[in-house]
Amino acid sequence: MTTAQFYCQYCTASLLGKKYVLKDDSPYCVLCYDRIFSNYCEECKKPIESDSKDLCYKDRHWHEGCFKCTKCNHSLVEKPFAAKDERLLCTECYSNECSSKCFHCKRTIMPGSRKMEFKGNYWHETCFVCENCQQPIGTKPLISKESGNYCVPCFEKEFAHCCNFCKKVITSGGITFCDQLWHKECFLCSGCRKDLCEEQFMSRDDYPFCVDCYNHLYANKCVACSKPITGFTGAKFICFQDSQWHSECFNCGKCSVSLVGKGFLTQNKEIFCPKCGSGMDTDI
């Protein structure tokens, strides 16, 4: 291009001795270039002229002096920032507005920092600690109470009950017997070691026994049938002079009539109705 041909590509004005801008290898006077090619600032809506710095983010443009946090108005030039709903925010404002708040200290959990989540709430990793020992829980098992979160050792030490049999902690469920707690799997017959969790059982000296073992070891025996006398299902029995009978076994030893609620006579350990016992050498 010769000096005779050095004209603005748009208005053809001579560019000799004047400032100009090259666009696609073609010269433009500053006025034409700004009018045709300048981007408009997102903030002030004015053109970003050729003598100004054009800052671009996702096809949007700003003057250098307009490139600011929309909340605190601090410059974002050469600083980290984030976008929310097309607004530019500095990292501090973005954190305060958009980031989670720590359930313990109520401060913002900064982007990029590790946070712990439990039951819909968030903690700084250093704030998520055992209520008792104040040591970080991290990803270790925990148990939650109204008073706070506890690591398993502290919970067991402060709150958990121990099984009366194995002396280990009962973490869930359990059975109460004689004001003592037992694991379900530890609640066994003291005689045969049968599982009593869903069985009928009897007690002797604060020890549980299945019905069979209790009857064999401790139950009184019926004088008539020699079978054990138990109180299950509302069964009734008769006592007389240290002897016991099932109510259905309390019958005359001769005619077998029931003597429940009636007078009777005894001879040795047998019982008789007055009719059958008359003439015998009996006790009244």
C-alpha atoms as a PDB file:
ATOM      1  CA  MET A   1       0.000   0.000   0.000  1.00  0.00           C
ATOM      2  CA  THR A   2       1.440   3.343  -1.025  1.00  0.00           C
ATOM      3  CA  THR A   3       0.947   6.573   0.832  1.00  0.00           C
ATOM      4  CA  ALA A   4      -1.358   7.703  -1.999  1.00  0.00           C
ATOM      5  CA  GLN A   5      -3.608   4.714  -1.287  1.00  0.00           C
ATOM      6  CA  PHE A   6      -3.594   5.029   2.562  1.00  0.00           C
ATOM      7  CA  TYR A   7      -7.272   5.761   3.220  1.00  0.00           C
ATOM      8  CA  CYS A   8      -9.876   4.586   5.757  1.00  0.00           C
ATOM      9  CA  GLN A   9     -11.546   1.451   4.437  1.00  0.00           C
ATOM     10  CA  TYR A  10     -14.982   2.798   5.405  1.00  0.00           C
ATOM     11  CA  CYS A  11     -15.063   6.597   5.036  1.00  0.00           C
ATOM     12  CA  THR A  12     -12.092   6.827   2.596  1.00  0.00           C
ATOM     13  CA  ALA A  13     -10.615   9.681   4.589  1.00  0.00           C
ATOM     14  CA  SER A  14      -6.846   9.930   4.319  1.00  0.00           C
ATOM     15  CA  LEU A  15      -4.993   8.333   7.192  1.00  0.00           C
ATOM     16  CA  LEU A  16      -1.707  10.089   6.570  1.00  0.00           C
ATOM     17  CA  GLY A  17      -0.342  11.388   9.861  1.00  0.00           C
ATOM     18  CA  LYS A  18      -3.398  10.075  11.760  1.00  0.00           C
ATOM     19  CA  LYS A  19      -4.080   7.220  14.175  1.00  0.00           C
ATOM     20  CA  TYR A  20      -5.724   4.213  12.599  1.00  0.00           C
ATOM     21  CA  VAL A  21      -6.629   0.601  13.383  1.00  0.00           C
ATOM     22  CA  LEU A  22      -6.026  -2.428  11.211  1.00  0.00           C
ATOM     23  CA  LYS A  23      -8.923  -4.872  10.901  1.00  0.00           C
ATOM     24  CA  ASP A  24      -8.446  -7.906   8.659  1.00  0.00           C
ATOM     25  CA  ASP A  25      -5.415  -6.147   7.142  1.00  0.00           C
ATOM     26  CA  SER A  26      -7.556  -3.138   6.263  1.00  0.00           C
ATOM     27  CA  PRO A  27      -7.022   0.267   7.883  1.00  0.00           C
ATOM     28  CA  TYR A  28      -9.816   2.176   9.544  1.00  0.00           C
ATOM     29  CA  CYS A  29      -9.798   5.594  11.094  1.00  0.00           C
ATOM     30  CA  VAL A  30     -10.415   5.464  14.813  1.00  0.00           C
ATOM     31  CA  LEU A  31     -13.846   7.039  14.535  1.00  0.00           C
ATOM     32  CA  CYS A  32     -15.085   4.520  11.950  1.00  0.00           C
ATOM     33  CA  TYR A  33     -13.522   1.586  13.713  1.00  0.00           C
ATOM     34  CA  ASP A  34     -15.172   2.466  17.041  1.00  0.00           C
ATOM     35  CA  ARG A  35     -18.533   2.990  15.367  1.00  0.00           C
ATOM     36  CA  ILE A  36     -18.448  -0.243  13.377  1.00  0.00           C
ATOM     37  CA  PHE A  37     -16.539  -2.759  15.446  1.00  0.00           C
ATOM     38  CA  SER A  38     -16.595  -1.704  19.114  1.00  0.00           C
ATOM     39  CA  ASN A  39     -18.289  -4.000  21.631  1.00  0.00           C
ATOM     40  CA  TYR A  40     -20.700  -2.539  24.155  1.00  0.00           C
ATOM     41  CA  CYS A  41     -19.954  -2.747  27.843  1.00  0.00           C
ATOM     42  CA  GLU A  42     -22.323  -4.983  29.849  1.00  0.00           C
ATOM     43  CA  GLU A  43     -22.184  -2.568  32.755  1.00  0.00           C
ATOM     44  CA  CYS A  44     -22.360   0.974  31.370  1.00  0.00           C
ATOM     45  CA  LYS A  45     -23.787   0.051  27.934  1.00  0.00           C
ATOM     46  CA  LYS A  46     -21.307   2.395  26.219  1.00  0.00           C
ATOM     47  CA  PRO A  47     -18.967   1.286  23.411  1.00  0.00           C
ATOM     48  CA  ILE A  48     -15.565   0.009  24.360  1.00  0.00           C
ATOM     49  CA  GLU A  49     -13.449   2.173  22.118  1.00  0.00           C
ATOM     50  CA  SER A  50     -10.171   1.221  20.520  1.00  0.00           C
ATOM     51  CA  ASP A  51      -8.115   3.118  23.080  1.00  0.00           C
ATOM     52  CA  SER A  52      -9.766   1.200  25.972  1.00  0.00           C
ATOM     53  CA  LYS A  53      -9.068  -2.327  27.191  1.00  0.00           C
ATOM     54  CA  ASP A  54     -11.849  -4.766  26.290  1.00  0.00           C
ATOM     55  CA  LEU A  55     -12.371  -7.535  28.925  1.00  0.00           C
ATOM     56  CA  CYS A  56     -14.360 -10.491  27.637  1.00  0.00           C
ATOM     57  CA  TYR A  57     -16.103 -13.373  29.463  1.00  0.00           C
ATOM     58  CA  LYS A  58     -18.434 -15.793  27.679  1.00  0.00           C
ATOM     59  CA  ASP A  59     -19.043 -13.438  24.737  1.00  0.00           C
ATOM     60  CA  ARG A  60     -19.821 -10.555  27.075  1.00  0.00           C
ATOM     61  CA  HIS A  61     -17.629  -7.442  27.254  1.00  0.00           C
ATOM     62  CA  TRP A  62     -16.692  -4.854  29.859  1.00  0.00           C
ATOM     63  CA  HIS A  63     -14.548  -1.756  30.157  1.00  0.00           C
ATOM     64  CA  GLU A  64     -11.653  -2.453  32.486  1.00  0.00           C
ATOM     65  CA  GLY A  65     -13.094   0.014  35.002  1.00  0.00           C
ATOM     66  CA  CYS A  66     -16.553  -1.596  34.776  1.00  0.00           C
ATOM     67  CA  PHE A  67     -15.373  -5.157  35.390  1.00  0.00           C
ATOM     68  CA  LYS A  68     -16.444  -5.296  39.048  1.00  0.00           C
ATOM     69  CA  CYS A  69     -18.220  -7.563  41.534  1.00  0.00           C
ATOM     70  CA  THR A  70     -21.927  -6.788  41.278  1.00  0.00           C
ATOM     71  CA  LYS A  71     -22.325  -7.046  45.030  1.00  0.00           C
ATOM     72  CA  CYS A  72     -19.307  -5.373  46.692  1.00  0.00           C
ATOM     73  CA  ASN A  73     -18.229  -3.316  43.629  1.00  0.00           C
ATOM     74  CA  HIS A  74     -14.582  -4.352  43.965  1.00  0.00           C
ATOM     75  CA  SER A  75     -12.587  -4.709  40.764  1.00  0.00           C
ATOM     76  CA  LEU A  76     -12.312  -8.215  39.340  1.00  0.00           C
ATOM     77  CA  VAL A  77      -9.448  -7.390  36.983  1.00  0.00           C
ATOM     78  CA  GLU A  78      -6.843 -10.163  37.241  1.00  0.00           C
ATOM     79  CA  LYS A  79      -8.681 -11.672  40.215  1.00  0.00           C
ATOM     80  CA  PRO A  80     -10.647 -14.927  40.552  1.00  0.00           C
ATOM     81  CA  PHE A  81     -14.403 -14.579  40.227  1.00  0.00           C
ATOM     82  CA  ALA A  82     -17.549 -16.637  39.701  1.00  0.00           C
ATOM     83  CA  ALA A  83     -20.793 -16.098  37.847  1.00  0.00           C
ATOM     84  CA  LYS A  84     -24.306 -16.611  39.199  1.00  0.00           C
ATOM     85  CA  ASP A  85     -27.450 -15.781  37.247  1.00  0.00           C
ATOM     86  CA  GLU A  86     -25.270 -13.798  34.806  1.00  0.00           C
ATOM     87  CA  ARG A  87     -23.882 -11.711  37.666  1.00  0.00           C
ATOM     88  CA  LEU A  88     -20.155 -11.585  38.304  1.00  0.00           C
ATOM     89  CA  LEU A  89     -19.139 -12.019  41.926  1.00  0.00           C
ATOM     90  CA  CYS A  90     -15.806 -12.016  43.702  1.00  0.00           C
ATOM     91  CA  THR A  91     -15.025 -15.280  45.473  1.00  0.00           C
ATOM     92  CA  GLU A  92     -15.894 -13.853  48.891  1.00  0.00           C
ATOM     93  CA  CYS A  93     -19.308 -12.547  47.832  1.00  0.00           C
ATOM     94  CA  TYR A  94     -20.015 -15.729  45.910  1.00  0.00           C
ATOM     95  CA  SER A  95     -19.183 -17.803  48.973  1.00  0.00           C
ATOM     96  CA  ASN A  96     -21.364 -15.690  51.271  1.00  0.00           C
ATOM     97  CA  GLU A  97     -24.290 -15.779  48.880  1.00  0.00           C
ATOM     98  CA  CYS A  98     -24.109 -19.228  47.321  1.00  0.00           C
ATOM     99  CA  SER A  99     -21.967 -21.516  49.441  1.00  0.00           C
ATOM    100  CA  SER A 100     -23.180 -23.676  52.333  1.00  0.00           C
ATOM    101  CA  LYS A 101     -22.973 -22.372  55.886  1.00  0.00           C
ATOM    102  CA  CYS A 102     -21.357 -24.481  58.593  1.00  0.00           C
ATOM    103  CA  PHE A 103     -23.987 -25.850  60.997  1.00  0.00           C
ATOM    104  CA  HIS A 104     -21.549 -25.399  63.901  1.00  0.00           C
ATOM    105  CA  CYS A 105     -19.801 -22.037  63.413  1.00  0.00           C
ATOM    106  CA  LYS A 106     -22.358 -20.527  60.969  1.00  0.00           C
ATOM    107  CA  ARG A 107     -19.528 -19.330  58.726  1.00  0.00           C
ATOM    108  CA  THR A 108     -19.315 -19.901  54.993  1.00  0.00           C
ATOM    109  CA  ILE A 109     -17.761 -23.109  53.720  1.00  0.00           C
ATOM    110  CA  MET A 110     -15.484 -21.727  51.012  1.00  0.00           C
ATOM    111  CA  PRO A 111     -15.552 -23.299  47.539  1.00  0.00           C
ATOM    112  CA  GLY A 112     -12.864 -25.932  47.180  1.00  0.00           C
ATOM    113  CA  SER A 113     -12.625 -26.619  50.902  1.00  0.00           C
ATOM    114  CA  ARG A 114     -13.728 -29.977  52.260  1.00  0.00           C
ATOM    115  CA  LYS A 115     -17.154 -30.081  53.870  1.00  0.00           C
ATOM    116  CA  MET A 116     -18.967 -32.794  55.805  1.00  0.00           C
ATOM    117  CA  GLU A 117     -22.663 -33.522  55.281  1.00  0.00           C
ATOM    118  CA  PHE A 118     -24.948 -35.241  57.806  1.00  0.00           C
ATOM    119  CA  LYS A 119     -28.750 -35.256  57.973  1.00  0.00           C
ATOM    120  CA  GLY A 120     -29.047 -32.412  55.466  1.00  0.00           C
ATOM    121  CA  ASN A 121     -26.617 -30.068  57.257  1.00  0.00           C
ATOM    122  CA  TYR A 122     -23.033 -29.118  56.439  1.00  0.00           C
ATOM    123  CA  TRP A 123     -19.913 -28.612  58.551  1.00  0.00           C
ATOM    124  CA  HIS A 124     -16.344 -27.505  58.000  1.00  0.00           C
ATOM    125  CA  GLU A 125     -14.229 -30.620  58.351  1.00  0.00           C
ATOM    126  CA  THR A 126     -12.618 -29.095  61.450  1.00  0.00           C
ATOM    127  CA  CYS A 127     -16.032 -28.250  62.965  1.00  0.00           C
ATOM    128  CA  PHE A 128     -17.483 -31.727  62.536  1.00  0.00           C
ATOM    129  CA  VAL A 129     -16.221 -33.093  65.847  1.00  0.00           C
ATOM    130  CA  CYS A 130     -17.383 -35.430  68.619  1.00  0.00           C
ATOM    131  CA  GLU A 131     -19.394 -33.535  71.227  1.00  0.00           C
ATOM    132  CA  ASN A 132     -17.475 -35.267  74.009  1.00  0.00           C
ATOM    133  CA  CYS A 133     -13.809 -35.621  72.999  1.00  0.00           C
ATOM    134  CA  GLN A 134     -13.841 -32.797  70.400  1.00  0.00           C
ATOM    135  CA  GLN A 135     -11.859 -34.932  67.951  1.00  0.00           C
ATOM    136  CA  PRO A 136     -12.773 -34.703  64.228  1.00  0.00           C
ATOM    137  CA  ILE A 137     -15.244 -37.402  63.239  1.00  0.00           C
ATOM    138  CA  GLY A 138     -14.514 -37.267  59.515  1.00  0.00           C
ATOM    139  CA  THR A 139     -15.930 -40.341  57.806  1.00  0.00           C
ATOM    140  CA  LYS A 140     -15.765 -42.545  60.900  1.00  0.00           C
ATOM    141  CA  PRO A 141     -18.975 -44.098  62.295  1.00  0.00           C
ATOM    142  CA  LEU A 142     -20.973 -41.783  64.560  1.00  0.00           C
ATOM    143  CA  ILE A 143     -24.098 -41.806  66.696  1.00  0.00           C
ATOM    144  CA  SER A 144     -26.328 -38.729  66.888  1.00  0.00           C
ATOM    145  CA  LYS A 145     -28.289 -37.528  69.907  1.00  0.00           C
ATOM    146  CA  GLU A 146     -30.166 -34.290  70.605  1.00  0.00           C
ATOM    147  CA  SER A 147     -27.098 -33.018  72.437  1.00  0.00           C
ATOM    148  CA  GLY A 148     -24.845 -33.549  69.400  1.00  0.00           C
ATOM    149  CA  ASN A 149     -22.860 -36.075  67.380  1.00  0.00           C
ATOM    150  CA  TYR A 150     -20.601 -38.581  69.096  1.00  0.00           C
ATOM    151  CA  CYS A 151     -17.874 -40.929  67.958  1.00  0.00           C
ATOM    152  CA  VAL A 152     -18.714 -44.534  68.808  1.00  0.00           C
ATOM    153  CA  PRO A 153     -16.219 -44.901  71.717  1.00  0.00           C
ATOM    154  CA  CYS A 154     -17.500 -41.739  73.436  1.00  0.00           C
ATOM    155  CA  PHE A 155     -21.142 -42.682  72.905  1.00  0.00           C
ATOM    156  CA  GLU A 156     -20.552 -46.108  74.405  1.00  0.00           C
ATOM    157  CA  LYS A 157     -18.720 -44.570  77.350  1.00  0.00           C
ATOM    158  CA  GLU A 158     -21.319 -41.865  78.042  1.00  0.00           C
ATOM    159  CA  PHE A 159     -24.677 -43.345  77.081  1.00  0.00           C
ATOM    160  CA  ALA A 160     -24.675 -46.983  76.049  1.00  0.00           C
ATOM    161  CA  HIS A 161     -25.789 -49.837  78.312  1.00  0.00           C
ATOM    162  CA  CYS A 162     -23.906 -53.098  78.649  1.00  0.00           C
ATOM    163  CA  CYS A 163     -25.346 -56.571  78.342  1.00  0.00           C
ATOM    164  CA  ASN A 164     -25.753 -58.256  81.726  1.00  0.00           C
ATOM    165  CA  PHE A 165     -24.355 -61.500  80.262  1.00  0.00           C
ATOM    166  CA  CYS A 166     -21.445 -60.616  77.941  1.00  0.00           C
ATOM    167  CA  LYS A 167     -20.798 -57.109  79.372  1.00  0.00           C
ATOM    168  CA  LYS A 168     -20.499 -55.675  75.850  1.00  0.00           C
ATOM    169  CA  VAL A 169     -22.328 -52.545  74.684  1.00  0.00           C
ATOM    170  CA  ILE A 170     -25.921 -52.837  73.466  1.00  0.00           C
ATOM    171  CA  THR A 171     -26.102 -50.552  70.422  1.00  0.00           C
ATOM    172  CA  SER A 172     -29.710 -51.311  69.455  1.00  0.00           C
ATOM    173  CA  GLY A 173     -32.677 -53.345  70.648  1.00  0.00           C
ATOM    174  CA  GLY A 174     -32.102 -55.594  73.631  1.00  0.00           C
ATOM    175  CA  ILE A 175     -34.259 -57.231  76.309  1.00  0.00           C
ATOM    176  CA  THR A 176     -34.934 -56.028  79.836  1.00  0.00           C
ATOM    177  CA  PHE A 177     -35.146 -58.711  82.523  1.00  0.00           C
ATOM    178  CA  CYS A 178     -34.973 -58.122  86.285  1.00  0.00           C
ATOM    179  CA  ASP A 179     -34.006 -54.459  85.623  1.00  0.00           C
ATOM    180  CA  GLN A 180     -31.015 -55.615  83.578  1.00  0.00           C
ATOM    181  CA  LEU A 181     -30.413 -55.303  79.831  1.00  0.00           C
ATOM    182  CA  TRP A 182     -29.419 -58.199  77.622  1.00  0.00           C
ATOM    183  CA  HIS A 183     -28.549 -58.620  73.960  1.00  0.00           C
ATOM    184  CA  LYS A 184     -31.280 -60.690  72.319  1.00  0.00           C
ATOM    185  CA  GLU A 185     -28.695 -63.270  71.351  1.00  0.00           C
ATOM    186  CA  CYS A 186     -27.397 -63.397  74.944  1.00  0.00           C
ATOM    187  CA  PHE A 187     -30.778 -63.978  76.579  1.00  0.00           C
ATOM    188  CA  LEU A 188     -30.495 -67.744  76.965  1.00  0.00           C
ATOM    189  CA  CYS A 189     -31.832 -70.388  79.329  1.00  0.00           C
ATOM    190  CA  SER A 190     -29.483 -70.724  82.299  1.00  0.00           C
ATOM    191  CA  GLY A 191     -29.903 -74.475  82.104  1.00  0.00           C
ATOM    192  CA  CYS A 192     -29.802 -75.674  78.495  1.00  0.00           C
ATOM    193  CA  ARG A 193     -28.670 -72.383  76.831  1.00  0.00           C
ATOM    194  CA  LYS A 194     -31.752 -72.290  74.624  1.00  0.00           C
ATOM    195  CA  ASP A 195     -32.601 -68.946  73.017  1.00  0.00           C
ATOM    196  CA  LEU A 196     -35.392 -67.336  75.069  1.00  0.00           C
ATOM    197  CA  CYS A 197     -35.903 -64.215  72.940  1.00  0.00           C
ATOM    198  CA  GLU A 198     -39.328 -65.290  71.662  1.00  0.00           C
ATOM    199  CA  GLU A 199     -40.086 -68.051  74.149  1.00  0.00           C
ATOM    200  CA  GLN A 200     -41.972 -68.304  77.436  1.00  0.00           C
ATOM    201  CA  PHE A 201     -39.592 -68.526  80.352  1.00  0.00           C
ATOM    202  CA  MET A 202     -39.474 -68.655  84.139  1.00  0.00           C
ATOM    203  CA  SER A 203     -37.187 -66.952  86.642  1.00  0.00           C
ATOM    204  CA  ARG A 204     -35.256 -68.385  89.570  1.00  0.00           C
ATOM    205  CA  ASP A 205     -32.892 -66.253  91.688  1.00  0.00           C
ATOM    206  CA  ASP A 206     -32.877 -63.644  88.871  1.00  0.00           C
ATOM    207  CA  TYR A 207     -31.768 -66.227  86.298  1.00  0.00           C
ATOM    208  CA  PRO A 208     -33.984 -67.055  83.306  1.00  0.00           C
ATOM    209  CA  PHE A 209     -34.924 -70.649  82.499  1.00  0.00           C
ATOM    210  CA  CYS A 210     -36.899 -72.177  79.680  1.00  0.00           C
ATOM    211  CA  VAL A 211     -40.106 -73.859  80.811  1.00  0.00           C
ATOM    212  CA  ASP A 212     -38.695 -77.368  80.415  1.00  0.00           C
ATOM    213  CA  CYS A 213     -35.584 -76.669  82.499  1.00  0.00           C
ATOM    214  CA  TYR A 214     -37.526 -74.807  85.162  1.00  0.00           C
ATOM    215  CA  ASN A 215     -40.058 -77.605  85.462  1.00  0.00           C
ATOM    216  CA  HIS A 216     -37.326 -80.192  85.651  1.00  0.00           C
ATOM    217  CA  LEU A 217     -35.220 -78.329  88.203  1.00  0.00           C
ATOM    218  CA  TYR A 218     -37.603 -76.327  90.363  1.00  0.00           C
ATOM    219  CA  ALA A 219     -41.324 -76.846  89.712  1.00  0.00           C
ATOM    220  CA  ASN A 220     -43.464 -78.664  92.297  1.00  0.00           C
ATOM    221  CA  LYS A 221     -44.813 -82.000  91.139  1.00  0.00           C
ATOM    222  CA  CYS A 222     -48.464 -83.020  91.237  1.00  0.00           C
ATOM    223  CA  VAL A 223     -49.052 -85.813  93.774  1.00  0.00           C
ATOM    224  CA  ALA A 224     -51.478 -87.526  91.414  1.00  0.00           C
ATOM    225  CA  CYS A 225     -49.748 -87.361  87.977  1.00  0.00           C
ATOM    226  CA  SER A 226     -46.178 -86.488  89.041  1.00  0.00           C
ATOM    227  CA  LYS A 227     -46.041 -83.829  86.328  1.00  0.00           C
ATOM    228  CA  PRO A 228     -44.782 -80.304  87.127  1.00  0.00           C
ATOM    229  CA  ILE A 229     -47.230 -77.674  88.286  1.00  0.00           C
ATOM    230  CA  THR A 230     -46.795 -74.350  86.465  1.00  0.00           C
ATOM    231  CA  GLY A 231     -48.777 -71.173  86.469  1.00  0.00           C
ATOM    232  CA  PHE A 232     -48.922 -70.777  82.655  1.00  0.00           C
ATOM    233  CA  THR A 233     -52.249 -70.071  80.923  1.00  0.00           C
ATOM    234  CA  GLY A 234     -53.909 -69.403  84.301  1.00  0.00           C
ATOM    235  CA  ALA A 235     -53.673 -73.030  85.434  1.00  0.00           C
ATOM    236  CA  LYS A 236     -55.015 -73.624  88.970  1.00  0.00           C
ATOM    237  CA  PHE A 237     -53.643 -75.996  91.552  1.00  0.00           C
ATOM    238  CA  ILE A 238     -54.505 -77.192  95.053  1.00  0.00           C
ATOM    239  CA  CYS A 239     -52.128 -77.171  98.052  1.00  0.00           C
ATOM    240  CA  PHE A 240     -52.629 -79.263 101.197  1.00  0.00           C
ATOM    241  CA  GLN A 241     -50.012 -80.052 103.826  1.00  0.00           C
ATOM    242  CA  ASP A 242     -47.000 -79.458 101.570  1.00  0.00           C
ATOM    243  CA  SER A 243     -48.549 -81.434  98.740  1.00  0.00           C
ATOM    244  CA  GLN A 244     -49.814 -80.031  95.468  1.00  0.00           C
ATOM    245  CA  TRP A 245     -52.249 -81.196  92.791  1.00  0.00           C
ATOM    246  CA  HIS A 246     -53.353 -79.874  89.440  1.00  0.00           C
ATOM    247  CA  SER A 247     -56.983 -78.873  89.904  1.00  0.00           C
ATOM    248  CA  GLU A 248     -57.979 -81.472  87.297  1.00  0.00           C
ATOM    249  CA  CYS A 249     -56.016 -84.107  89.252  1.00  0.00           C
ATOM    250  CA  PHE A 250     -57.590 -83.300  92.635  1.00  0.00           C
ATOM    251  CA  ASN A 251     -60.000 -86.270  92.533  1.00  0.00           C
ATOM    252  CA  CYS A 252     -61.144 -89.009  94.872  1.00  0.00           C
ATOM    253  CA  GLY A 253     -58.627 -91.862  94.770  1.00  0.00           C
ATOM    254  CA  LYS A 254     -61.444 -94.406  94.585  1.00  0.00           C
ATOM    255  CA  CYS A 255     -64.379 -93.008  92.579  1.00  0.00           C
ATOM    256  CA  SER A 256     -62.416 -90.266  90.794  1.00  0.00           C
ATOM    257  CA  VAL A 257     -65.013 -87.575  91.526  1.00  0.00           C
ATOM    258  CA  SER A 258     -63.530 -84.058  91.585  1.00  0.00           C
ATOM    259  CA  LEU A 259     -62.892 -82.790  95.098  1.00  0.00           C
ATOM    260  CA  VAL A 260     -62.206 -79.148  94.120  1.00  0.00           C
ATOM    261  CA  GLY A 261     -64.162 -76.967  96.519  1.00  0.00           C
ATOM    262  CA  LYS A 262     -65.456 -79.977  98.446  1.00  0.00           C
ATOM    263  CA  GLY A 263     -64.639 -81.723 101.697  1.00  0.00           C
ATOM    264  CA  PHE A 264     -62.240 -84.676 101.497  1.00  0.00           C
ATOM    265  CA  LEU A 265     -60.406 -87.224 103.605  1.00  0.00           C
ATOM    266  CA  THR A 266     -56.743 -88.250 103.359  1.00  0.00           C
ATOM    267  CA  GLN A 267     -54.928 -91.505 103.849  1.00  0.00           C
ATOM    268  CA  ASN A 268     -51.180 -91.320 103.497  1.00  0.00           C
ATOM    269  CA  LYS A 269     -50.949 -89.049 100.429  1.00  0.00           C
ATOM    270  CA  GLU A 270     -54.193 -90.173  98.838  1.00  0.00           C
ATOM    271  CA  ILE A 271     -57.444 -88.193  98.992  1.00  0.00           C
ATOM    272  CA  PHE A 272     -60.993 -89.531  99.101  1.00  0.00           C
ATOM    273  CA  CYS A 273     -64.455 -88.117  99.026  1.00  0.00           C
ATOM    274  CA  PRO A 274     -66.320 -88.472 102.381  1.00  0.00           C
ATOM    275  CA  LYS A 275     -68.396 -91.331 100.989  1.00  0.00           C
ATOM    276  CA  CYS A 276     -65.445 -93.410  99.827  1.00  0.00           C
ATOM    277  CA  GLY A 277     -63.343 -92.476 102.824  1.00  0.00           C
ATOM    278  CA  SER A 278     -65.923 -93.469 105.422  1.00  0.00           C
ATOM    279  CA  GLY A 279     -64.870 -96.572 107.286  1.00  0.00           C
ATOM    280  CA  MET A 280     -61.211 -96.044 106.259  1.00  0.00           C
ATOM    281  CA  ASP A 281     -58.512 -95.104 108.697  1.00  0.00           C
ATOM    282  CA  THR A 282     -58.229 -91.551 107.256  1.00  0.00           C
ATOM    283  CA  ASP A 283     -57.226 -88.087 108.360  1.00  0.00           C
ATOM    284  CA  ILE A 284     -59.612 -85.182 108.041  1.00  0.00           C
END
